[in-house]
Protein backbone atom coordinates (compact mmCIF):
# COMPACT_ATOMS: atom_id res chain seq x y z
CA MET A 1 10.84 -39.28 3.39
CA PRO A 2 13.72 -40.98 1.63
CA LYS A 3 16.36 -38.46 0.49
CA ASP A 4 17.33 -40.45 -2.62
CA LYS A 5 13.88 -39.87 -4.17
CA PHE A 6 14.21 -36.09 -3.88
CA LEU A 7 17.83 -35.50 -4.96
CA SER A 8 16.78 -34.20 -8.39
CA ILE A 9 14.45 -31.54 -6.94
CA LYS A 10 15.90 -28.05 -6.69
CA ALA A 11 15.37 -25.93 -3.59
CA GLY A 12 13.14 -23.40 -5.37
CA PRO A 13 12.74 -21.10 -8.34
CA PRO A 14 15.55 -18.70 -9.20
CA GLN A 15 15.42 -15.33 -7.48
CA THR A 16 14.07 -12.72 -9.93
CA ILE A 17 13.46 -9.80 -7.58
CA PRO A 18 16.67 -8.14 -6.42
CA ALA A 19 17.32 -8.05 -2.70
CA GLY A 20 16.69 -4.60 -1.28
CA HIS A 21 18.32 -2.63 1.50
CA GLY A 22 15.07 -2.00 3.30
CA HIS A 23 12.21 0.42 2.72
CA HIS A 24 13.63 3.32 4.72
CA ARG A 25 17.07 3.18 3.15
CA GLU A 26 15.56 2.96 -0.36
CA TRP A 27 13.43 6.02 0.42
CA VAL A 28 16.39 8.04 1.72
CA GLU A 29 18.53 7.11 -1.29
CA ALA A 30 15.69 8.04 -3.68
CA CYS A 31 15.37 11.42 -1.92
CA LYS A 32 19.08 11.96 -2.50
CA GLY A 33 18.60 11.19 -6.20
CA ASN A 34 20.29 7.79 -6.06
CA GLY A 35 17.74 5.61 -7.87
CA THR A 36 14.14 4.90 -7.01
CA THR A 37 12.26 2.92 -4.41
CA PHE A 38 11.06 -0.60 -5.17
CA SER A 39 7.44 0.56 -4.80
CA PRO A 40 7.22 4.18 -5.98
CA PHE A 41 4.33 6.45 -5.04
CA ASP A 42 2.48 5.87 -8.33
CA ILE A 43 2.06 2.25 -7.20
CA GLY A 44 2.02 2.62 -3.41
CA GLY A 45 -0.32 5.64 -3.34
CA PRO A 46 -3.30 4.06 -5.15
CA LEU A 47 -2.71 0.77 -3.32
CA THR A 48 -2.87 2.55 0.06
CA GLU A 49 -5.97 4.46 -1.06
CA LEU A 50 -7.68 1.20 -2.00
CA MET A 51 -6.81 -0.42 1.33
CA GLN A 52 -8.22 2.57 3.25
CA LEU A 53 -11.46 2.26 1.27
CA VAL A 54 -11.63 -1.43 2.17
CA ASN A 55 -11.09 -0.54 5.84
CA ALA A 56 -13.83 2.12 5.73
CA SER A 57 -16.24 -0.26 3.99
CA THR A 58 -15.98 -2.75 6.84
CA LEU A 59 -17.16 -0.12 9.33
CA ILE A 60 -20.33 1.01 7.57
CA GLU A 61 -23.37 -0.67 6.06
CA GLY A 62 -24.07 -0.56 2.34
CA PRO A 63 -22.03 0.16 -0.76
CA ILE A 64 -19.48 2.95 -1.12
CA GLU A 65 -19.29 5.28 -4.12
CA TYR A 66 -15.83 6.84 -4.36
CA ASP A 67 -14.77 9.81 -6.49
CA THR A 68 -11.11 9.22 -7.37
CA HIS A 69 -10.54 12.80 -8.52
CA SER A 70 -11.66 14.45 -5.29
CA GLY A 71 -10.62 11.61 -3.01
CA ARG A 72 -13.99 11.56 -1.30
CA ILE A 73 -16.72 9.02 -0.68
CA VAL A 74 -19.79 10.66 -2.21
CA ASN A 75 -22.65 8.62 -0.80
CA SER A 76 -21.77 8.30 2.91
CA SER A 77 -20.65 11.13 5.16
CA THR A 78 -19.90 8.59 7.90
CA ALA A 79 -17.51 6.67 5.65
CA ASN A 80 -16.01 9.90 4.29
CA ASP A 81 -15.22 11.05 7.84
CA LEU A 82 -13.23 7.84 8.31
CA MET A 83 -10.99 8.77 5.38
CA HIS A 84 -9.85 12.12 6.74
CA ARG A 85 -8.37 13.18 10.04
CA HIS A 86 -9.85 16.10 11.95
CA TYR A 87 -7.04 18.40 13.02
CA ARG A 88 -6.86 20.53 16.14
CA ALA A 89 -7.63 24.24 15.86
CA GLY A 90 -4.74 26.08 14.27
CA TRP A 91 -3.43 23.03 12.41
CA LYS A 92 -4.28 21.92 8.90
CA LEU A 93 -2.83 19.88 6.10
C-alpha cells in the first residue's frame, strides 16, 4: 500500500482509559486504602456470577431459573450443585 495515501490517518483513537499497574497491585493498594480497583466488587461480583450461570447452563439441559437474593438455581438441583463447592468434613465457608 502506498504510504503517501495514508499519511493523514492517525494511528488510533486517543487513550481514554488510564494505564493500570496490574490487577494484583491495584487490589493491594485498595486494601491499604490507597484508591480503588479499576473493576470494584460491585461490578466484578455480578459479572462473575453471571459467567458462572452461563457455565452451568452449558452443562445441563433446559432453562435455568436463578434467585439473585439467595444465590441459588431454583429449578435444577444438578445445576445448583455446580454453583457451590462441597467441602471436606470439618471445613466450611
